[in-house]
Protein backbone atom coordinates (compact mmCIF):
# COMPACT_ATOMS: atom_id res chain seq x y z
CA MET A 1 85.34 59.13 218.33
CA GLN A 2 88.39 58.40 216.23
CA GLN A 3 88.89 59.90 212.91
CA ALA A 4 89.34 57.08 210.28
CA GLU A 5 93.18 57.78 208.74
CA SER A 6 91.92 59.50 205.42
CA GLU A 7 89.48 62.14 207.33
CA ILE A 8 92.29 63.95 209.06
CA PRO A 9 92.94 66.99 207.37
CA GLU A 10 96.69 67.07 205.75
CA ARG A 11 98.87 70.23 206.89
CA LYS A 12 101.53 71.11 204.91
CA MET A 13 104.79 71.23 206.88
CA ALA A 14 107.28 74.33 206.59
CA PRO A 15 110.15 73.80 203.77
CA SER A 16 113.58 72.84 205.05
CA ALA A 17 116.59 74.40 204.11
CA LEU A 18 120.40 73.06 205.07
CA ILE A 19 122.99 76.22 205.43
CA VAL A 20 126.18 75.64 204.69
CA GLU A 21 128.41 78.95 205.46
CA ASP A 22 131.78 79.65 206.86
CA GLU A 23 130.79 83.55 207.62
CA PHE A 24 129.12 84.07 210.43
CA LEU A 25 127.74 87.41 209.60
CA ILE A 26 126.45 85.95 206.18
CA ALA A 27 125.50 82.53 208.15
CA SER A 28 123.20 84.40 210.89
CA ALA A 29 121.94 86.93 208.00
CA LEU A 30 120.58 83.68 206.24
CA GLN A 31 119.40 82.11 208.48
CA LEU A 32 117.13 84.68 210.06
CA LEU A 33 115.76 85.59 206.00
CA LEU A 34 114.85 81.69 205.95
CA GLU A 35 113.42 81.46 209.78
CA LYS A 36 111.13 84.43 209.16
CA GLN A 37 109.39 82.98 206.45
CA GLY A 38 108.66 80.07 208.10
CA VAL A 39 111.48 77.86 207.51
CA ARG A 40 112.66 75.02 209.40
CA VAL A 41 116.66 75.85 209.03
CA HIS A 42 119.10 73.02 209.53
CA GLY A 43 122.68 74.67 210.58
CA PRO A 44 124.18 76.65 209.23
CA VAL A 45 127.64 74.38 209.57
CA GLY A 46 130.93 75.70 208.07
CA ARG A 47 132.60 72.67 207.50
CA VAL A 48 131.74 70.03 205.53
CA SER A 49 132.19 67.19 207.91
CA ALA A 50 129.31 69.14 210.03
CA ALA A 51 127.09 69.19 206.30
CA LEU A 52 127.73 65.86 205.59
CA GLU A 53 126.66 64.39 208.92
CA LEU A 54 123.55 66.95 208.39
CA ALA A 55 122.87 66.20 204.83
CA SER A 56 122.88 62.31 206.03
CA ALA A 57 120.68 62.36 208.98
CA THR A 58 117.91 64.92 208.30
CA PRO A 59 115.37 63.26 207.23
CA HIS A 60 113.19 65.59 205.45
CA LEU A 61 114.99 68.23 203.41
CA ASP A 62 113.51 70.40 201.13
CA CYS A 63 116.70 72.27 200.17
CA ALA A 64 120.26 73.24 200.47
CA LEU A 65 122.39 76.59 200.10
CA LEU A 66 125.96 75.97 199.79
CA ASP A 67 128.43 77.92 200.57
CA VAL A 68 131.93 76.58 197.66
CA ARG A 69 134.77 77.43 199.72
CA LEU A 70 134.46 76.51 203.29
CA GLY A 71 138.16 77.30 204.65
CA ASP A 72 140.45 75.28 202.46
CA GLU A 73 137.53 72.55 201.95
CA SER A 74 135.02 72.61 198.39
CA VAL A 75 131.47 71.91 199.36
CA PHE A 76 131.31 68.82 196.73
CA PRO A 77 131.05 66.40 198.50
CA VAL A 78 128.06 67.64 199.96
CA ALA A 79 126.77 68.73 197.06
CA ASP A 80 127.11 64.95 195.41
CA ARG A 81 125.64 63.50 199.17
CA LEU A 82 122.33 65.91 198.38
CA ARG A 83 122.24 65.02 194.76
CA ALA A 84 122.19 61.32 195.52
CA ARG A 85 118.90 61.80 197.85
CA GLY A 86 117.52 63.86 195.38
CA VAL A 87 117.28 67.13 197.51
CA ARG A 88 117.48 70.50 195.98
CA PHE A 89 120.45 72.44 196.57
CA ALA A 90 121.80 76.05 195.45
CA PHE A 91 125.31 77.49 195.76
CA LEU A 92 125.64 80.34 196.97
CA SER A 93 129.17 82.08 196.64
CA GLY A 94 131.74 85.26 196.24
CA TYR A 95 133.60 83.23 193.67
CA ASP A 96 132.57 83.80 190.20
CA ARG A 97 130.24 80.81 188.63
CA SER A 98 133.40 79.59 186.20
CA VAL A 99 134.78 77.78 189.98
CA LEU A 100 132.07 74.79 189.63
CA PRO A 101 132.91 71.66 187.82
CA ASP A 102 131.24 71.62 184.64
CA THR A 103 128.62 68.28 186.95
CA TYR A 104 127.49 71.44 188.37
CA ARG A 105 126.79 74.04 185.57
CA ASP A 106 123.18 73.57 185.83
CA VAL A 107 122.85 74.18 189.55
CA ARG A 108 121.38 77.46 190.81
CA TYR A 109 123.72 79.85 191.47
CA PHE A 110 123.35 82.37 193.82
CA SER A 111 126.39 85.65 194.33
CA LYS A 112 126.34 86.72 197.98
CA LEU A 113 125.98 90.21 197.12
CA GLU A 114 122.50 89.34 194.97
CA ASP A 115 118.92 90.34 195.85
CA PRO A 116 117.77 88.04 198.59
CA GLU A 117 114.50 87.92 197.78
CA ALA A 118 115.76 85.73 195.13
CA LEU A 119 117.20 83.35 196.96
CA LEU A 120 114.16 83.22 199.82
CA ARG A 121 111.89 82.65 196.28
CA TRP A 122 113.91 79.91 195.39
CA VAL A 123 114.33 78.35 199.10
CA LEU A 124 110.26 78.27 198.88
CA GLY A 125 109.98 76.58 195.73
CA ALA A 126 109.02 79.29 193.75
CA ASN A 127 109.57 78.26 189.63
CA GLU A 128 113.18 79.69 189.39
CA SER A 129 116.00 77.69 187.79
């Protein structure tokens, strides 16, 4: 016997996050932290071109963590692409927040030395700005 579509219970999908980080140890630690909480991780990627591809090609993306500098490139083209798609993102950097252009002053910023629990709460959608 078939159930009507309206009778099929909705399954909540695990949140998904894009990690854009060029330091291997930090990228790996972030991936492990998020996956332990059931987050579907895309990446990590350490180049702007790869991040732009994932930012465009990933159909369901809840959020992204972006290192401000990837080698000699800035991550801002990726931030622009995510913003255009309506995907929530935060910057993760060892640089001071003052390196962000004015257009990103409202975006959540995490220091690479910050408490990972705050970062995890943000990814999981807790009410933190």
